Amino acid sequence: MPNTTPVHDQIRLELRRGTLTLAVLSALRREQYGYTLRKTLADAGLAIEESALYPMLRRLEDQGLLASKWRTEGGREKRFYRLSAAGVALLPRILDDWHELTRTLDGLFAGD
């Protein structure tokens, strides 16, 4: 990775926060538990620490975008997450917002 500065690191963190939320919502169109979700994201190039993922999952559930349930699998209790009906309805709108934003940014960056 190229040399970074504290300001660069802070801006990268801010950019990642929003994109990770979108990535989590997209990944949870299919039910997963925390470990498999982390692996899905990491395999896509978006590693996330447990200390960031689980508070995000709780926040998204509190916002009504996720539903979860405990289930025993392999002799262990695991909490499975998926998009709620509200999350299913909202995700396409958020993806439209994302695509609009990236088109706008691509237009701004074209002058570089």
Protein backbone atom coordinates (compact mmCIF):
# COMPACT_ATOMS: atom_id res chain seq x y z
CA MET A 1 0.00 0.00 0.00
CA PRO A 2 1.31 3.48 -0.78
CA ASN A 3 2.37 5.80 2.02
CA THR A 4 -0.60 7.31 3.82
CA THR A 5 -1.11 10.23 6.14
CA PRO A 6 -3.47 10.52 9.09
CA VAL A 7 -5.81 12.68 6.98
CA HIS A 8 -5.76 10.15 4.15
CA ASP A 9 -6.45 7.33 6.59
CA GLN A 10 -9.41 9.23 8.09
CA ILE A 11 -10.95 9.97 4.69
CA ARG A 12 -10.49 6.34 3.60
CA LEU A 13 -12.24 5.23 6.79
CA GLU A 14 -15.16 7.58 6.12
CA LEU A 15 -15.49 6.31 2.54
CA ARG A 16 -15.38 2.68 3.69
CA ARG A 17 -18.07 3.16 6.34
CA GLY A 18 -20.82 3.99 3.88
CA THR A 19 -19.74 1.47 1.30
CA LEU A 20 -19.55 -1.30 3.91
CA THR A 21 -23.13 -0.62 4.93
CA LEU A 22 -24.22 -0.96 1.31
CA ALA A 23 -22.11 -4.12 0.93
CA VAL A 24 -23.62 -5.68 4.07
CA LEU A 25 -27.15 -4.95 2.92
CA SER A 26 -26.41 -6.38 -0.52
CA ALA A 27 -24.77 -9.50 0.92
CA LEU A 28 -27.73 -10.11 3.23
CA ARG A 29 -30.15 -10.63 0.37
CA ARG A 30 -29.12 -14.19 1.22
CA GLU A 31 -29.36 -15.25 4.87
CA GLN A 32 -25.98 -15.53 6.59
CA TYR A 33 -24.52 -15.52 10.07
CA GLY A 34 -21.71 -13.21 11.13
CA TYR A 35 -18.75 -15.40 10.24
CA THR A 36 -20.00 -16.26 6.75
CA LEU A 37 -20.91 -12.62 6.16
CA ARG A 38 -17.40 -11.52 7.14
CA LYS A 39 -15.96 -14.16 4.81
CA THR A 40 -18.24 -13.09 1.94
CA LEU A 41 -17.14 -9.48 2.36
CA ALA A 42 -13.45 -10.38 2.75
CA ASP A 43 -13.56 -12.58 -0.35
CA ALA A 44 -14.95 -9.58 -2.24
CA GLY A 45 -12.08 -7.39 -0.99
CA LEU A 46 -13.97 -5.67 1.84
CA ALA A 47 -12.55 -7.08 5.04
CA ILE A 48 -14.36 -5.93 8.18
CA GLU A 49 -13.51 -6.50 11.81
CA GLU A 50 -16.03 -8.15 14.13
CA SER A 51 -15.88 -5.04 16.30
CA ALA A 52 -17.31 -3.04 13.39
CA LEU A 53 -19.61 -5.65 11.84
CA TYR A 54 -21.74 -6.63 14.82
CA PRO A 55 -22.61 -3.06 15.91
CA MET A 56 -23.51 -2.34 12.27
CA LEU A 57 -25.77 -5.40 12.16
CA ARG A 58 -27.50 -4.32 15.39
CA ARG A 59 -27.94 -0.77 14.05
CA LEU A 60 -29.38 -1.99 10.74
CA GLU A 61 -31.73 -4.32 12.62
CA ASP A 62 -32.79 -1.47 14.92
CA GLN A 63 -33.51 0.59 11.77
CA GLY A 64 -35.78 -2.20 10.57
CA LEU A 65 -33.62 -3.14 7.57
CA LEU A 66 -32.53 -6.54 8.87
CA ALA A 67 -34.22 -9.44 10.60
CA SER A 68 -32.35 -12.03 12.61
CA LYS A 69 -33.02 -15.33 14.30
CA TRP A 70 -31.04 -17.72 16.44
CA ARG A 71 -30.61 -21.21 15.09
CA THR A 72 -28.54 -24.22 16.08
CA GLU A 73 -26.16 -25.32 13.38
CA GLY A 74 -23.34 -27.78 13.86
CA GLY A 75 -24.19 -28.00 17.54
CA ARG A 76 -23.72 -24.24 18.04
CA GLU A 77 -26.19 -21.40 18.40
CA LYS A 78 -25.72 -18.90 15.58
CA ARG A 79 -27.55 -15.70 14.81
CA PHE A 80 -28.59 -15.55 11.17
CA TYR A 81 -29.30 -12.23 9.48
CA ARG A 82 -31.20 -11.37 6.33
CA LEU A 83 -32.85 -8.34 4.82
CA SER A 84 -36.25 -7.60 6.31
CA ALA A 85 -39.17 -6.69 4.04
CA ALA A 86 -38.26 -3.03 4.58
CA GLY A 87 -34.63 -3.79 3.67
CA VAL A 88 -35.70 -5.62 0.51
CA ALA A 89 -37.81 -2.60 -0.48
CA LEU A 90 -35.11 -0.06 0.35
CA LEU A 91 -32.05 -1.77 -1.17
CA PRO A 92 -32.90 -1.01 -4.84
CA ARG A 93 -33.42 2.66 -3.95
CA ILE A 94 -30.07 2.78 -2.16
CA LEU A 95 -28.40 1.07 -5.12
CA ASP A 96 -29.97 3.66 -7.45
CA ASP A 97 -28.57 6.39 -5.18
CA TRP A 98 -25.15 4.70 -5.31
CA HIS A 99 -25.17 4.49 -9.12
CA GLU A 100 -26.26 8.13 -9.40
CA LEU A 101 -23.50 9.18 -7.03
CA THR A 102 -20.83 7.20 -8.90
CA ARG A 103 -21.98 8.68 -12.25
CA THR A 104 -21.73 12.17 -10.77
CA LEU A 105 -18.29 11.47 -9.32
CA ASP A 106 -17.10 9.91 -12.59
CA GLY A 107 -18.14 13.16 -14.32
CA LEU A 108 -16.20 15.20 -11.78
CA PHE A 109 -13.15 12.96 -12.06
CA ALA A 110 -13.16 13.08 -15.87
CA GLY A 111 -11.39 16.44 -15.66
CA ASP A 112 -8.44 14.91 -13.79
